[in-house]
Amino acid sequence: MTDRTTTLHIVAAVIVRGDGRALLVRKRGTTSFMQVGGKIEPGEEPLAALVRECAEEIGLDVDPASVRALGRRTAVAANEPDHVVDAHVFEVDLDAGAGPDDVDVQVRAELAEHVWVDPADPVASHPIAPLSVDLLREVAQPSPR
């Protein structure tokens, strides 16, 4: 990082289906896949930003009661040179019984596509943003709650 590094304050959603695969998305004009999420608007609480971003990006109505804060993480920004992200990370609890075909994700807004990856081996088939690499590593080896 340089002295001119800019910090982006964002939220990131860790969304995992019942079969253990994690959701990643790719924005138009970029190559790296990452968590659903985005910049926190001025005056907006992180949880409210998460709910808004999930609705805007993938059409998922998130009940704030089904969300668990996982803390904050910092990483180099994938698509913006000389930027880092300061991310409020949340786990979005999908219906535990939801199978691979039960989760309806619709790519919207600035997104080009989505994929469901194996958290234990996500990089095998897709370029992954630095923050997402770290988060998927955590998903693959969850800590006791």
Protein backbone atom coordinates (compact mmCIF):
# COMPACT_ATOMS: atom_id res chain seq x y z
CA MET A 1 0.00 0.00 0.00
CA THR A 2 1.15 3.52 -0.69
CA ASP A 3 0.71 6.78 1.19
CA ARG A 4 -2.11 7.53 -1.26
CA THR A 5 -4.13 4.44 -0.38
CA THR A 6 -7.84 5.17 -0.01
CA THR A 7 -10.08 3.15 2.30
CA LEU A 8 -13.51 2.07 1.10
CA HIS A 9 -16.02 1.37 3.88
CA ILE A 10 -18.16 -1.56 2.78
CA VAL A 11 -20.37 -4.43 3.88
CA ALA A 12 -19.91 -8.02 2.73
CA ALA A 13 -22.41 -10.88 2.95
CA VAL A 14 -21.25 -14.43 3.57
CA ILE A 15 -24.08 -16.47 2.03
CA VAL A 16 -23.83 -20.27 2.13
CA ARG A 17 -26.44 -22.72 0.82
CA GLY A 18 -27.54 -25.85 2.63
CA ASP A 19 -25.09 -27.89 0.53
CA GLY A 20 -22.15 -25.82 1.84
CA ARG A 21 -21.45 -23.87 -1.37
CA ALA A 22 -20.82 -20.13 -0.97
CA LEU A 23 -22.20 -17.37 -3.18
CA LEU A 24 -19.83 -15.08 -5.04
CA VAL A 25 -20.68 -12.39 -7.59
CA ARG A 26 -18.79 -10.55 -10.31
CA LYS A 27 -19.43 -6.96 -11.32
CA ARG A 28 -19.66 -5.98 -14.98
CA GLY A 29 -16.29 -5.01 -16.43
CA THR A 30 -14.30 -6.85 -13.73
CA THR A 31 -12.71 -10.27 -13.42
CA SER A 32 -12.71 -10.98 -9.67
CA PHE A 33 -15.55 -12.71 -7.86
CA MET A 34 -16.49 -11.45 -4.40
CA GLN A 35 -19.17 -11.41 -1.73
CA VAL A 36 -22.46 -9.61 -2.28
CA GLY A 37 -22.15 -6.17 -0.72
CA GLY A 38 -20.92 -2.70 -1.36
CA LYS A 39 -20.23 0.74 -0.06
CA ILE A 40 -21.95 2.02 3.06
CA GLU A 41 -23.81 5.25 2.31
CA PRO A 42 -23.14 8.32 4.52
CA GLY A 43 -25.17 8.02 7.73
CA GLU A 44 -26.17 4.42 6.95
CA GLU A 45 -25.69 1.67 9.52
CA PRO A 46 -23.74 -1.37 8.25
CA LEU A 47 -26.64 -3.80 8.78
CA ALA A 48 -29.00 -1.52 6.82
CA ALA A 49 -26.40 -1.32 4.04
CA LEU A 50 -26.20 -5.11 3.95
CA VAL A 51 -29.98 -5.49 3.65
CA ARG A 52 -30.05 -2.84 0.89
CA GLU A 53 -27.14 -4.35 -1.06
CA CYS A 54 -28.62 -7.88 -0.96
CA ALA A 55 -31.91 -6.57 -2.35
CA GLU A 56 -30.26 -4.39 -5.00
CA GLU A 57 -27.65 -6.88 -6.21
CA ILE A 58 -29.33 -10.30 -6.01
CA GLY A 59 -33.01 -9.67 -5.20
CA LEU A 60 -32.71 -11.28 -1.77
CA ASP A 61 -34.94 -9.88 0.98
CA VAL A 62 -32.85 -10.29 4.11
CA ASP A 63 -34.47 -10.35 7.53
CA PRO A 64 -32.05 -8.49 9.82
CA ALA A 65 -32.85 -11.06 12.52
CA SER A 66 -31.34 -13.78 10.28
CA VAL A 67 -27.99 -12.01 10.08
CA ARG A 68 -24.96 -12.56 12.31
CA ALA A 69 -22.13 -10.06 12.51
CA LEU A 70 -18.73 -11.66 11.86
CA GLY A 71 -16.69 -8.55 12.61
CA ARG A 72 -14.55 -6.36 10.42
CA ARG A 73 -11.88 -7.32 7.94
CA THR A 74 -9.42 -5.30 5.88
CA ALA A 75 -8.03 -6.30 2.49
CA VAL A 76 -6.65 -4.87 -0.72
CA ALA A 77 -9.52 -3.82 -3.02
CA ALA A 78 -9.87 -6.16 -5.99
CA ASN A 79 -11.00 -3.70 -8.63
CA GLU A 80 -9.66 -0.33 -7.52
CA PRO A 81 -5.91 0.36 -7.53
CA ASP A 82 -4.49 2.05 -4.41
CA HIS A 83 -7.63 1.21 -2.41
CA VAL A 84 -8.26 -1.06 0.54
CA VAL A 85 -11.60 -2.21 1.88
CA ASP A 86 -12.67 -1.95 5.50
CA ALA A 87 -15.51 -4.46 5.53
CA HIS A 88 -18.26 -5.09 8.04
CA VAL A 89 -18.86 -8.79 7.40
CA PHE A 90 -22.17 -10.52 8.05
CA GLU A 91 -23.32 -14.10 7.71
CA VAL A 92 -26.74 -14.26 6.07
CA ASP A 93 -28.58 -17.34 7.29
CA LEU A 94 -30.50 -18.98 4.48
CA ASP A 95 -33.03 -21.64 5.35
CA ALA A 96 -30.84 -24.44 6.68
CA GLY A 97 -32.86 -26.96 4.68
CA ALA A 98 -32.48 -25.07 1.42
CA GLY A 99 -31.02 -27.21 -1.31
CA PRO A 100 -29.04 -26.05 -4.32
CA ASP A 101 -32.16 -25.30 -6.33
CA ASP A 102 -34.07 -23.63 -3.47
CA VAL A 103 -32.06 -20.39 -3.33
CA ASP A 104 -33.32 -17.90 -5.89
CA VAL A 105 -30.54 -15.45 -6.72
CA GLN A 106 -31.14 -12.92 -9.48
CA VAL A 107 -28.18 -10.93 -10.77
CA ARG A 108 -29.13 -7.24 -10.74
CA ALA A 109 -27.67 -3.73 -10.67
CA GLU A 110 -23.98 -3.67 -11.65
CA LEU A 111 -23.52 -7.45 -11.44
CA ALA A 112 -22.67 -9.59 -14.45
CA GLU A 113 -22.90 -13.07 -12.92
CA HIS A 114 -22.94 -15.21 -9.81
CA VAL A 115 -21.42 -18.57 -8.89
CA TRP A 116 -21.73 -21.00 -6.00
CA VAL A 117 -18.26 -22.22 -5.05
CA ASP A 118 -16.79 -24.82 -2.76
CA PRO A 119 -15.22 -22.73 0.05
CA ALA A 120 -12.44 -25.30 0.40
CA ASP A 121 -11.32 -24.84 -3.24
CA PRO A 122 -12.81 -21.63 -4.71
CA VAL A 123 -9.79 -20.48 -6.72
CA ALA A 124 -9.70 -23.62 -8.84
CA SER A 125 -12.17 -22.18 -11.34
CA HIS A 126 -12.59 -18.46 -10.59
CA PRO A 127 -10.40 -15.43 -9.81
CA ILE A 128 -11.37 -14.35 -6.27
CA ALA A 129 -11.02 -10.94 -4.58
CA PRO A 130 -8.54 -10.86 -1.66
CA LEU A 131 -11.25 -10.25 0.98
CA SER A 132 -13.30 -13.15 -0.38
CA VAL A 133 -10.32 -15.51 -0.34
CA ASP A 134 -9.96 -14.81 3.38
CA LEU A 135 -13.68 -15.15 4.08
CA LEU A 136 -14.01 -18.40 2.14
CA ARG A 137 -11.07 -19.82 4.09
CA GLU A 138 -13.02 -19.05 7.28
CA VAL A 139 -16.19 -20.65 5.86
CA ALA A 140 -14.25 -23.78 4.93
CA GLN A 141 -12.91 -24.07 8.48
CA PRO A 142 -15.67 -22.61 10.67
CA SER A 143 -14.90 -21.85 14.28
CA PRO A 144 -17.16 -23.13 17.05
CA ARG A 145 -20.04 -20.77 17.81
